[in-house]
């Protein structure tokens, strides 16, 4: 599988580059990156600013700029070496290996498989995507539709609700770091130490 780290956000609400935010065990992006590295054979970093990331992985600049995560997913899937791809946003430090291992175990040949929030809404920036969905993404982009969730009714997709009974459950599992105050919601000790990978 290929892991795609979406790291091309504008960080407008944060007011600074999220990739440079330092946490207990490293930079913010290193937490979700470590999760992908643990379960994937290939890693692609979706960014046009590779100097912001201390990695040896290949970086993919959006072919179509200014359309948000849709552009990053589309461009990275086109460059992926594998049919199955795990997509994760670089500002979601609470996502764990166990969540992705659960999604993989539940995969039944869907083109898109996403975890669902407590209210049932799927999380499109954290899930399993097949390379074949690039055609649908291309069609949406050509139509000026850039919301990633709009791909769901056009593909063989399914969402799985993450409940308290699952090992991967956490009330802030899908915490998205958009503002300075969001950083205080990250529990001490979260993430993977770089020297433990």
N, C-alpha and C. Protein backbone atom coordinates (compact mmCIF):
# COMPACT_ATOMS: atom_id res chain seq x y z
N UNK A 1 0.83 -1.20 0.00
CA UNK A 1 0.00 0.00 0.00
C UNK A 1 0.86 1.25 0.00
N UNK A 2 0.29 2.31 -0.49
CA UNK A 2 0.95 3.61 -0.46
C UNK A 2 0.27 4.49 0.58
N UNK A 3 1.06 5.17 1.37
CA UNK A 3 0.54 6.14 2.32
C UNK A 3 0.69 7.54 1.74
N UNK A 4 -0.39 8.30 1.73
CA UNK A 4 -0.37 9.65 1.19
C UNK A 4 -0.62 10.63 2.33
N UNK A 5 0.40 11.41 2.66
CA UNK A 5 0.28 12.42 3.72
C UNK A 5 -0.09 13.75 3.06
N UNK A 6 -1.29 14.23 3.34
CA UNK A 6 -1.74 15.51 2.78
C UNK A 6 -1.14 16.65 3.59
N UNK A 7 -0.19 17.35 3.00
CA UNK A 7 0.53 18.38 3.73
C UNK A 7 0.59 19.69 2.95
N UNK A 8 -0.46 19.95 2.18
CA UNK A 8 -0.41 21.13 1.33
C UNK A 8 -1.35 22.24 1.74
N UNK A 9 -1.83 22.21 2.97
CA UNK A 9 -2.78 23.22 3.42
C UNK A 9 -2.18 24.62 3.51
N UNK A 10 -3.04 25.63 3.43
CA UNK A 10 -2.60 27.02 3.49
C UNK A 10 -2.33 27.49 4.91
N UNK A 11 -2.88 26.78 5.93
CA UNK A 11 -2.67 27.13 7.34
C UNK A 11 -3.15 28.54 7.67
N UNK A 12 -4.19 29.01 7.00
CA UNK A 12 -4.65 30.38 7.20
C UNK A 12 -5.20 30.60 8.61
N UNK A 13 -5.98 29.63 9.12
CA UNK A 13 -6.55 29.80 10.46
C UNK A 13 -5.49 29.68 11.54
N UNK A 14 -4.44 28.88 11.29
CA UNK A 14 -3.37 28.73 12.26
C UNK A 14 -2.48 29.97 12.28
N UNK A 15 -2.30 30.59 11.12
CA UNK A 15 -1.46 31.77 11.05
C UNK A 15 0.01 31.48 10.86
N UNK A 16 0.38 30.21 10.80
CA UNK A 16 1.77 29.80 10.54
C UNK A 16 1.75 28.41 9.93
N UNK A 17 2.85 27.99 9.35
CA UNK A 17 2.94 26.69 8.71
C UNK A 17 2.78 25.58 9.74
N UNK A 18 1.75 24.76 9.57
CA UNK A 18 1.49 23.69 10.54
C UNK A 18 2.65 22.69 10.62
N UNK A 19 3.29 22.46 9.49
CA UNK A 19 4.37 21.48 9.48
C UNK A 19 5.51 21.83 10.41
N UNK A 20 5.66 23.10 10.76
CA UNK A 20 6.76 23.54 11.62
C UNK A 20 6.38 23.58 13.10
N UNK A 21 5.16 23.19 13.43
CA UNK A 21 4.73 23.20 14.83
C UNK A 21 5.41 22.06 15.58
N UNK A 22 6.07 22.39 16.67
CA UNK A 22 6.83 21.41 17.44
C UNK A 22 5.97 20.87 18.58
N UNK A 23 5.88 19.55 18.71
CA UNK A 23 5.17 18.89 19.79
C UNK A 23 6.18 18.11 20.64
N UNK A 24 5.68 17.28 21.55
CA UNK A 24 6.55 16.60 22.50
C UNK A 24 7.64 15.77 21.85
N UNK A 25 7.26 14.98 20.82
CA UNK A 25 8.21 14.05 20.24
C UNK A 25 8.63 14.41 18.82
N UNK A 26 8.34 15.60 18.38
CA UNK A 26 8.71 15.98 17.03
C UNK A 26 7.75 17.01 16.47
N UNK A 27 7.80 17.18 15.18
CA UNK A 27 6.91 18.13 14.52
C UNK A 27 5.53 17.51 14.32
N UNK A 28 4.54 18.36 14.19
CA UNK A 28 3.15 17.91 14.06
C UNK A 28 2.98 16.88 12.95
N UNK A 29 3.58 17.13 11.79
CA UNK A 29 3.40 16.21 10.66
C UNK A 29 4.02 14.84 10.90
N UNK A 30 5.00 14.74 11.82
CA UNK A 30 5.68 13.47 12.03
C UNK A 30 4.80 12.45 12.74
N UNK A 31 3.76 12.92 13.45
CA UNK A 31 2.87 11.99 14.15
C UNK A 31 2.06 11.16 13.15
N UNK A 32 1.27 11.78 12.27
CA UNK A 32 0.54 11.00 11.28
C UNK A 32 1.47 10.31 10.28
N UNK A 33 2.61 10.92 9.98
CA UNK A 33 3.55 10.28 9.06
C UNK A 33 4.04 8.96 9.62
N UNK A 34 4.32 8.91 10.92
CA UNK A 34 4.80 7.68 11.55
C UNK A 34 3.75 6.57 11.45
N UNK A 35 2.48 6.95 11.53
CA UNK A 35 1.39 5.96 11.40
C UNK A 35 1.41 5.36 10.00
N UNK A 36 1.52 6.20 8.98
CA UNK A 36 1.56 5.70 7.61
C UNK A 36 2.79 4.85 7.36
N UNK A 37 3.92 5.28 7.89
CA UNK A 37 5.17 4.53 7.69
C UNK A 37 5.08 3.13 8.29
N UNK A 38 4.29 2.98 9.33
CA UNK A 38 4.19 1.69 10.02
C UNK A 38 3.37 0.66 9.24
N UNK A 39 2.49 1.14 8.35
CA UNK A 39 1.58 0.20 7.66
C UNK A 39 1.69 0.24 6.14
N UNK A 40 2.52 1.12 5.59
CA UNK A 40 2.59 1.27 4.13
C UNK A 40 3.97 0.97 3.58
N UNK A 41 4.02 0.54 2.33
CA UNK A 41 5.28 0.22 1.66
C UNK A 41 5.91 1.44 1.00
N UNK A 42 5.07 2.38 0.61
CA UNK A 42 5.52 3.58 -0.08
C UNK A 42 4.84 4.78 0.58
N UNK A 43 5.57 5.88 0.71
CA UNK A 43 5.02 7.10 1.28
C UNK A 43 5.17 8.24 0.28
N UNK A 44 4.09 8.96 0.05
CA UNK A 44 4.12 10.17 -0.77
C UNK A 44 3.67 11.34 0.10
N UNK A 45 4.40 12.45 0.03
CA UNK A 45 4.04 13.66 0.77
C UNK A 45 3.43 14.65 -0.21
N UNK A 46 2.16 14.97 -0.02
CA UNK A 46 1.48 15.91 -0.90
C UNK A 46 1.78 17.33 -0.46
N UNK A 47 2.75 17.95 -1.12
CA UNK A 47 3.15 19.32 -0.79
C UNK A 47 3.95 19.91 -1.94
N UNK A 48 3.88 21.20 -2.09
CA UNK A 48 4.74 21.91 -3.05
C UNK A 48 5.89 22.60 -2.32
N UNK A 49 5.93 22.44 -0.97
CA UNK A 49 6.97 23.08 -0.16
C UNK A 49 7.77 22.01 0.58
N UNK A 50 8.53 21.23 -0.17
CA UNK A 50 9.24 20.10 0.42
C UNK A 50 10.26 20.52 1.47
N UNK A 51 10.73 21.76 1.43
CA UNK A 51 11.72 22.21 2.41
C UNK A 51 11.15 22.28 3.81
N UNK A 52 9.82 22.23 3.95
CA UNK A 52 9.19 22.28 5.28
C UNK A 52 9.22 20.93 5.98
N UNK A 53 9.65 19.88 5.28
CA UNK A 53 9.54 18.54 5.85
C UNK A 53 10.88 17.81 5.83
N UNK A 54 11.27 17.31 6.99
CA UNK A 54 12.55 16.62 7.13
C UNK A 54 12.34 15.14 6.81
N UNK A 55 12.14 14.83 5.56
CA UNK A 55 11.85 13.46 5.16
C UNK A 55 12.62 13.12 3.88
N UNK A 56 12.79 11.83 3.67
CA UNK A 56 13.42 11.35 2.44
C UNK A 56 12.38 10.85 1.45
N UNK A 57 11.11 10.90 1.85
CA UNK A 57 10.05 10.42 0.98
C UNK A 57 9.83 11.36 -0.20
N UNK A 58 9.24 10.82 -1.22
CA UNK A 58 8.95 11.60 -2.43
C UNK A 58 7.84 12.61 -2.15
N UNK A 59 8.00 13.82 -2.64
CA UNK A 59 6.96 14.84 -2.50
C UNK A 59 6.26 15.04 -3.83
N UNK A 60 4.95 15.28 -3.75
CA UNK A 60 4.12 15.45 -4.94
C UNK A 60 3.45 16.82 -4.88
N UNK A 61 3.78 17.69 -5.82
CA UNK A 61 3.14 19.00 -5.89
C UNK A 61 1.83 18.88 -6.65
N UNK A 62 0.80 19.59 -6.20
CA UNK A 62 -0.51 19.51 -6.86
C UNK A 62 -0.40 19.88 -8.34
N UNK A 63 -0.95 19.04 -9.18
CA UNK A 63 -1.01 19.35 -10.61
C UNK A 63 -1.94 20.54 -10.85
N UNK A 64 -2.99 20.62 -10.02
CA UNK A 64 -3.96 21.72 -10.12
C UNK A 64 -3.96 22.41 -8.76
N UNK A 65 -3.43 23.59 -8.68
CA UNK A 65 -3.27 24.27 -7.40
C UNK A 65 -4.53 25.04 -7.01
N UNK A 66 -4.67 25.27 -5.72
CA UNK A 66 -5.74 26.11 -5.21
C UNK A 66 -7.09 25.46 -5.06
N UNK A 67 -7.16 24.10 -5.08
CA UNK A 67 -8.45 23.43 -4.94
C UNK A 67 -8.51 22.57 -3.68
N UNK A 68 -7.58 22.82 -2.74
CA UNK A 68 -7.64 22.14 -1.46
C UNK A 68 -7.20 20.68 -1.51
N UNK A 69 -7.65 19.88 -0.53
CA UNK A 69 -7.25 18.48 -0.44
C UNK A 69 -7.57 17.66 -1.69
N UNK A 70 -8.61 18.05 -2.42
CA UNK A 70 -8.97 17.34 -3.65
C UNK A 70 -7.77 17.28 -4.59
N UNK A 71 -7.06 18.39 -4.73
CA UNK A 71 -5.91 18.43 -5.61
C UNK A 71 -4.79 17.54 -5.14
N UNK A 72 -4.57 17.50 -3.83
CA UNK A 72 -3.52 16.66 -3.28
C UNK A 72 -3.81 15.18 -3.44
N UNK A 73 -5.04 14.79 -3.18
CA UNK A 73 -5.41 13.38 -3.32
C UNK A 73 -5.31 12.96 -4.78
N UNK A 74 -5.84 13.79 -5.67
CA UNK A 74 -5.82 13.49 -7.10
C UNK A 74 -4.38 13.33 -7.61
N UNK A 75 -3.53 14.30 -7.35
CA UNK A 75 -2.16 14.27 -7.85
C UNK A 75 -1.37 13.10 -7.26
N UNK A 76 -1.57 12.83 -5.98
CA UNK A 76 -0.82 11.76 -5.32
C UNK A 76 -1.29 10.38 -5.78
N UNK A 77 -2.58 10.20 -5.96
CA UNK A 77 -3.07 8.91 -6.46
C UNK A 77 -2.51 8.63 -7.85
N UNK A 78 -2.41 9.66 -8.66
CA UNK A 78 -1.87 9.48 -10.01
C UNK A 78 -0.41 9.02 -9.98
N UNK A 79 0.32 9.43 -8.95
CA UNK A 79 1.74 9.08 -8.84
C UNK A 79 1.99 7.84 -7.99
N UNK A 80 0.96 7.34 -7.35
CA UNK A 80 1.10 6.18 -6.47
C UNK A 80 1.48 4.92 -7.26
N UNK A 81 2.32 4.08 -6.65
CA UNK A 81 2.73 2.83 -7.27
C UNK A 81 1.78 1.68 -6.95
N UNK A 82 0.82 1.92 -6.08
CA UNK A 82 -0.06 0.84 -5.62
C UNK A 82 -1.53 1.15 -5.85
N UNK A 83 -2.32 0.09 -5.93
CA UNK A 83 -3.76 0.24 -6.11
C UNK A 83 -4.41 0.74 -4.83
N UNK A 84 -3.95 0.25 -3.67
CA UNK A 84 -4.52 0.66 -2.39
C UNK A 84 -3.69 1.76 -1.76
N UNK A 85 -4.38 2.79 -1.28
CA UNK A 85 -3.70 3.96 -0.73
C UNK A 85 -4.38 4.41 0.56
N UNK A 86 -3.58 4.68 1.56
CA UNK A 86 -4.09 5.23 2.81
C UNK A 86 -3.81 6.73 2.81
N UNK A 87 -4.87 7.50 2.91
CA UNK A 87 -4.76 8.97 2.87
C UNK A 87 -4.94 9.51 4.29
N UNK A 88 -4.07 10.44 4.68
CA UNK A 88 -4.16 11.03 6.02
C UNK A 88 -3.65 12.46 5.97
N UNK A 89 -4.40 13.36 6.59
CA UNK A 89 -3.99 14.76 6.66
C UNK A 89 -2.89 14.94 7.70
N UNK A 90 -1.95 15.83 7.43
CA UNK A 90 -0.79 16.00 8.31
C UNK A 90 -1.12 16.74 9.60
N UNK A 91 -2.35 17.22 9.74
CA UNK A 91 -2.71 17.93 10.97
C UNK A 91 -3.71 17.12 11.81
N UNK A 92 -3.65 15.78 11.69
CA UNK A 92 -4.50 14.89 12.48
C UNK A 92 -3.61 13.97 13.33
N UNK A 93 -3.06 14.47 14.44
CA UNK A 93 -2.08 13.72 15.21
C UNK A 93 -2.63 12.60 16.08
N UNK A 94 -3.96 12.50 16.21
CA UNK A 94 -4.54 11.49 17.09
C UNK A 94 -4.86 10.17 16.39
N UNK A 95 -4.78 10.16 15.08
CA UNK A 95 -5.04 8.92 14.32
C UNK A 95 -3.94 7.91 14.63
N UNK A 96 -4.32 6.66 14.78
CA UNK A 96 -3.38 5.61 15.19
C UNK A 96 -3.26 4.51 14.13
N UNK A 97 -2.22 3.71 14.30
CA UNK A 97 -2.05 2.54 13.44
C UNK A 97 -3.26 1.62 13.53
N UNK A 98 -3.80 1.47 14.73
CA UNK A 98 -4.91 0.54 14.93
C UNK A 98 -6.14 0.94 14.12
N UNK A 99 -6.34 2.23 13.89
CA UNK A 99 -7.47 2.66 13.07
C UNK A 99 -7.29 2.16 11.64
N UNK A 100 -6.11 2.38 11.07
CA UNK A 100 -5.89 1.95 9.69
C UNK A 100 -5.89 0.43 9.57
N UNK A 101 -5.35 -0.26 10.57
CA UNK A 101 -5.37 -1.72 10.51
C UNK A 101 -6.82 -2.23 10.57
N UNK A 102 -7.66 -1.52 11.31
CA UNK A 102 -9.08 -1.89 11.36
C UNK A 102 -9.74 -1.65 10.01
N UNK A 103 -9.47 -0.50 9.40
CA UNK A 103 -10.05 -0.22 8.08
C UNK A 103 -9.61 -1.27 7.06
N UNK A 104 -8.34 -1.63 7.08
CA UNK A 104 -7.82 -2.62 6.14
C UNK A 104 -8.52 -3.96 6.35
N UNK A 105 -8.73 -4.32 7.62
CA UNK A 105 -9.39 -5.60 7.91
C UNK A 105 -10.84 -5.61 7.47
N UNK A 106 -11.46 -4.43 7.40
CA UNK A 106 -12.87 -4.32 7.02
C UNK A 106 -13.06 -4.08 5.52
N UNK A 107 -11.97 -3.89 4.80
CA UNK A 107 -12.07 -3.57 3.38
C UNK A 107 -12.65 -4.74 2.60
N UNK A 108 -13.66 -4.46 1.79
CA UNK A 108 -14.33 -5.50 0.99
C UNK A 108 -14.36 -5.07 -0.48
N UNK A 109 -13.24 -4.64 -0.99
CA UNK A 109 -13.09 -4.27 -2.39
C UNK A 109 -13.76 -2.94 -2.73
N UNK A 110 -14.06 -2.11 -1.73
CA UNK A 110 -14.59 -0.77 -2.01
C UNK A 110 -13.51 0.08 -2.69
N UNK A 111 -13.96 1.10 -3.40
CA UNK A 111 -13.02 2.06 -3.98
C UNK A 111 -12.62 3.11 -2.95
N UNK A 112 -13.54 3.41 -2.04
CA UNK A 112 -13.25 4.35 -0.95
C UNK A 112 -13.84 3.78 0.33
N UNK A 113 -13.03 3.69 1.36
CA UNK A 113 -13.49 3.21 2.66
C UNK A 113 -13.04 4.21 3.71
N UNK A 114 -14.00 4.83 4.41
CA UNK A 114 -13.70 5.90 5.35
C UNK A 114 -14.23 5.59 6.75
N UNK A 115 -13.52 6.03 7.78
CA UNK A 115 -14.07 5.94 9.13
C UNK A 115 -15.12 7.04 9.30
N UNK A 116 -16.10 6.79 10.13
CA UNK A 116 -17.16 7.77 10.36
C UNK A 116 -17.07 8.34 11.76
N UNK A 117 -17.39 9.60 11.88
CA UNK A 117 -17.40 10.29 13.17
C UNK A 117 -18.60 9.82 14.00
N UNK A 118 -18.68 10.29 15.22
CA UNK A 118 -19.75 9.88 16.12
C UNK A 118 -21.13 10.18 15.54
N UNK A 119 -21.25 11.28 14.78
CA UNK A 119 -22.55 11.63 14.21
C UNK A 119 -22.80 10.94 12.87
N UNK A 120 -21.91 10.05 12.48
CA UNK A 120 -22.10 9.29 11.25
C UNK A 120 -21.46 9.90 10.02
N UNK A 121 -20.90 11.11 10.15
CA UNK A 121 -20.26 11.75 9.00
C UNK A 121 -18.91 11.09 8.72
N UNK A 122 -18.66 10.69 7.48
CA UNK A 122 -17.35 10.10 7.15
C UNK A 122 -16.26 11.16 7.17
N UNK A 123 -15.05 10.73 7.48
CA UNK A 123 -13.89 11.63 7.52
C UNK A 123 -13.09 11.41 6.23
N UNK A 124 -13.25 12.27 5.21
CA UNK A 124 -12.63 12.03 3.91
C UNK A 124 -11.12 12.22 3.86
N UNK A 125 -10.53 12.84 4.87
CA UNK A 125 -9.08 13.06 4.86
C UNK A 125 -8.35 12.03 5.70
N UNK A 126 -9.01 10.90 5.93
CA UNK A 126 -8.42 9.80 6.69
C UNK A 126 -9.11 8.52 6.22
N UNK A 127 -8.52 7.84 5.26
CA UNK A 127 -9.20 6.64 4.77
C UNK A 127 -8.45 5.91 3.69
N UNK A 128 -9.11 4.90 3.15
CA UNK A 128 -8.53 4.05 2.13
C UNK A 128 -9.13 4.40 0.77
N UNK A 129 -8.26 4.68 -0.20
CA UNK A 129 -8.67 5.05 -1.55
C UNK A 129 -7.98 4.14 -2.56
N UNK A 130 -8.73 3.66 -3.53
CA UNK A 130 -8.11 2.92 -4.63
C UNK A 130 -7.66 3.90 -5.70
N UNK A 131 -6.59 3.54 -6.38
CA UNK A 131 -6.02 4.40 -7.42
C UNK A 131 -7.04 4.70 -8.52
N UNK A 132 -7.98 3.78 -8.74
CA UNK A 132 -8.95 3.93 -9.82
C UNK A 132 -9.87 5.14 -9.65
N UNK A 133 -9.96 5.70 -8.45
CA UNK A 133 -10.89 6.82 -8.24
C UNK A 133 -10.34 8.12 -8.84
N UNK A 134 -9.12 8.08 -9.37
CA UNK A 134 -8.57 9.29 -9.99
C UNK A 134 -9.46 9.79 -11.13
N UNK A 135 -10.10 8.87 -11.83
CA UNK A 135 -10.97 9.28 -12.94
C UNK A 135 -12.17 10.07 -12.44
N UNK A 136 -12.75 9.63 -11.33
CA UNK A 136 -13.89 10.34 -10.76
C UNK A 136 -13.43 11.70 -10.22
N UNK A 137 -12.28 11.73 -9.57
CA UNK A 137 -11.74 12.99 -9.07
C UNK A 137 -11.51 13.97 -10.23
N UNK A 138 -10.98 13.46 -11.32
CA UNK A 138 -10.73 14.31 -12.49
C UNK A 138 -12.04 14.91 -13.00
N UNK A 139 -13.09 14.10 -13.07
CA UNK A 139 -14.39 14.58 -13.54
C UNK A 139 -14.92 15.68 -12.62
N UNK A 140 -14.83 15.47 -11.32
CA UNK A 140 -15.31 16.47 -10.37
C UNK A 140 -14.52 17.77 -10.50
N UNK A 141 -13.21 17.66 -10.62
CA UNK A 141 -12.37 18.84 -10.75
C UNK A 141 -12.73 19.62 -12.01
N UNK A 142 -12.96 18.90 -13.09
CA UNK A 142 -13.33 19.57 -14.35
C UNK A 142 -14.68 20.28 -14.23
N UNK A 143 -15.53 19.78 -13.31
CA UNK A 143 -16.84 20.39 -13.08
C UNK A 143 -16.77 21.51 -12.05
N UNK A 144 -15.59 21.74 -11.48
CA UNK A 144 -15.44 22.77 -10.47
C UNK A 144 -15.94 22.35 -9.10
N UNK A 145 -16.02 21.05 -8.86
CA UNK A 145 -16.47 20.51 -7.57
C UNK A 145 -15.24 20.02 -6.82
N UNK A 146 -14.91 20.69 -5.69
CA UNK A 146 -13.66 20.41 -5.00
C UNK A 146 -13.85 19.80 -3.60
N UNK A 147 -15.08 19.55 -3.19
CA UNK A 147 -15.31 18.92 -1.88
C UNK A 147 -15.07 17.43 -2.00
N UNK A 148 -14.13 16.91 -1.22
CA UNK A 148 -13.73 15.51 -1.35
C UNK A 148 -14.90 14.55 -1.13
N UNK A 149 -15.81 14.87 -0.20
CA UNK A 149 -16.90 13.93 0.09
C UNK A 149 -17.83 13.73 -1.10
N UNK A 150 -17.75 14.62 -2.10
CA UNK A 150 -18.61 14.47 -3.27
C UNK A 150 -18.24 13.26 -4.13
N UNK A 151 -17.11 12.65 -3.81
CA UNK A 151 -16.70 11.46 -4.54
C UNK A 151 -17.50 10.23 -4.10
N UNK A 152 -18.06 10.27 -2.90
CA UNK A 152 -18.68 9.08 -2.32
C UNK A 152 -19.85 8.52 -3.13
N UNK A 153 -20.83 9.34 -3.54
CA UNK A 153 -21.94 8.77 -4.31
C UNK A 153 -21.56 8.33 -5.72
N UNK A 154 -20.36 8.68 -6.16
CA UNK A 154 -19.93 8.33 -7.52
C UNK A 154 -19.00 7.12 -7.56
N UNK A 155 -18.74 6.55 -6.41
CA UNK A 155 -17.82 5.41 -6.33
C UNK A 155 -18.43 4.32 -5.47
N UNK A 156 -17.80 3.14 -5.50
CA UNK A 156 -18.18 2.08 -4.55
C UNK A 156 -17.55 2.46 -3.22
N UNK A 157 -18.32 3.11 -2.39
CA UNK A 157 -17.78 3.63 -1.14
C UNK A 157 -18.57 3.12 0.05
N UNK A 158 -17.91 3.16 1.20
CA UNK A 158 -18.57 2.76 2.45
C UNK A 158 -17.88 3.49 3.59
N UNK A 159 -18.63 3.78 4.62
CA UNK A 159 -18.05 4.36 5.82
C UNK A 159 -18.32 3.42 6.99
N UNK A 160 -17.40 3.40 7.92
CA UNK A 160 -17.50 2.54 9.10
C UNK A 160 -17.49 3.42 10.34
N UNK A 161 -18.51 3.30 11.15
CA UNK A 161 -18.58 4.12 12.36
C UNK A 161 -17.60 3.60 13.40
N UNK A 162 -16.81 4.50 13.94
CA UNK A 162 -15.84 4.16 14.97
C UNK A 162 -16.49 4.32 16.34
N UNK A 163 -16.69 3.22 17.03
CA UNK A 163 -17.41 3.22 18.30
C UNK A 163 -16.46 3.01 19.48
N UNK A 164 -16.98 3.22 20.66
CA UNK A 164 -16.17 3.09 21.88
C UNK A 164 -15.69 1.66 22.11
N UNK A 165 -16.33 0.69 21.47
CA UNK A 165 -15.94 -0.70 21.66
C UNK A 165 -14.66 -1.07 20.91
N UNK A 166 -14.23 -0.22 20.00
CA UNK A 166 -13.06 -0.52 19.18
C UNK A 166 -11.78 -0.02 19.84
N UNK A 167 -10.72 -0.77 19.62
CA UNK A 167 -9.42 -0.41 20.19
C UNK A 167 -8.95 0.97 19.74
N UNK A 168 -9.27 1.33 18.52
CA UNK A 168 -8.79 2.60 17.95
C UNK A 168 -9.61 3.81 18.38
N UNK A 169 -10.69 3.60 19.11
CA UNK A 169 -11.58 4.71 19.45
C UNK A 169 -10.92 5.69 20.41
N UNK A 170 -11.20 6.96 20.20
CA UNK A 170 -10.81 8.04 21.11
C UNK A 170 -11.77 9.18 20.82
N UNK A 171 -12.22 9.91 21.84
CA UNK A 171 -13.18 11.00 21.58
C UNK A 171 -12.63 12.07 20.64
N UNK A 172 -11.31 12.23 20.60
CA UNK A 172 -10.70 13.22 19.71
C UNK A 172 -9.89 12.55 18.60
N UNK A 173 -10.30 11.35 18.21
CA UNK A 173 -9.54 10.60 17.21
C UNK A 173 -9.32 11.40 15.94
N UNK A 174 -10.33 12.15 15.51
CA UNK A 174 -10.23 12.90 14.27
C UNK A 174 -9.98 14.40 14.52
N UNK A 175 -9.35 14.70 15.64
CA UNK A 175 -8.99 16.08 15.94
C UNK A 175 -8.15 16.65 14.81
N UNK A 176 -8.57 17.79 14.31
CA UNK A 176 -7.89 18.48 13.22
C UNK A 176 -7.30 19.77 13.77
N UNK A 177 -5.99 19.91 13.68
CA UNK A 177 -5.33 21.08 14.26
C UNK A 177 -5.42 22.25 13.29
N UNK A 178 -6.34 23.16 13.56
CA UNK A 178 -6.53 24.33 12.69
C UNK A 178 -6.18 25.65 13.38
N UNK A 179 -6.26 25.65 14.72
CA UNK A 179 -6.00 26.87 15.47
C UNK A 179 -5.04 26.56 16.63
N UNK A 180 -4.44 27.60 17.15
CA UNK A 180 -3.49 27.43 18.26
C UNK A 180 -4.13 26.71 19.44
N UNK A 181 -5.40 27.03 19.72
CA UNK A 181 -6.06 26.41 20.88
C UNK A 181 -6.27 24.92 20.71
N UNK A 182 -6.28 24.45 19.47
CA UNK A 182 -6.46 23.01 19.24
C UNK A 182 -5.27 22.21 19.76
N UNK A 183 -4.11 22.83 19.84
CA UNK A 183 -2.90 22.13 20.30
C UNK A 183 -3.05 21.65 21.74
N UNK A 184 -3.80 22.38 22.55
CA UNK A 184 -3.96 22.01 23.96
C UNK A 184 -4.80 20.75 24.13
N UNK A 185 -5.48 20.32 23.08
CA UNK A 185 -6.32 19.12 23.15
C UNK A 185 -5.54 17.85 22.87
N UNK A 186 -4.28 17.98 22.50
CA UNK A 186 -3.45 16.80 22.24
C UNK A 186 -2.91 16.29 23.57
N UNK A 187 -3.26 15.08 24.00
CA UNK A 187 -2.80 14.56 25.29
C UNK A 187 -1.28 14.39 25.32
N UNK A 188 -0.67 14.60 26.48
CA UNK A 188 0.78 14.40 26.61
C UNK A 188 1.13 12.96 26.22
N UNK A 189 2.23 12.80 25.51
CA UNK A 189 2.66 11.45 25.13
C UNK A 189 2.07 10.94 23.84
N UNK A 190 1.20 11.74 23.20
CA UNK A 190 0.62 11.32 21.93
C UNK A 190 1.70 11.25 20.86
N UNK A 191 1.55 10.28 19.96
CA UNK A 191 2.47 10.20 18.82
C UNK A 191 3.53 9.16 19.00
N UNK A 192 4.38 9.04 18.01
CA UNK A 192 5.43 8.04 17.99
C UNK A 192 6.78 8.74 18.03
N UNK A 193 7.60 8.36 19.00
CA UNK A 193 8.95 8.92 19.05
C UNK A 193 9.70 8.49 17.78
N UNK A 194 10.42 9.40 17.19
CA UNK A 194 11.14 9.07 15.97
C UNK A 194 12.18 7.99 16.19
N UNK A 195 12.75 7.90 17.41
CA UNK A 195 13.76 6.88 17.65
C UNK A 195 13.15 5.52 18.02
N UNK A 196 11.81 5.45 18.03
CA UNK A 196 11.16 4.18 18.35
C UNK A 196 10.55 3.53 17.11
N UNK A 197 10.62 4.21 15.98
CA UNK A 197 10.01 3.68 14.77
C UNK A 197 10.82 2.51 14.24
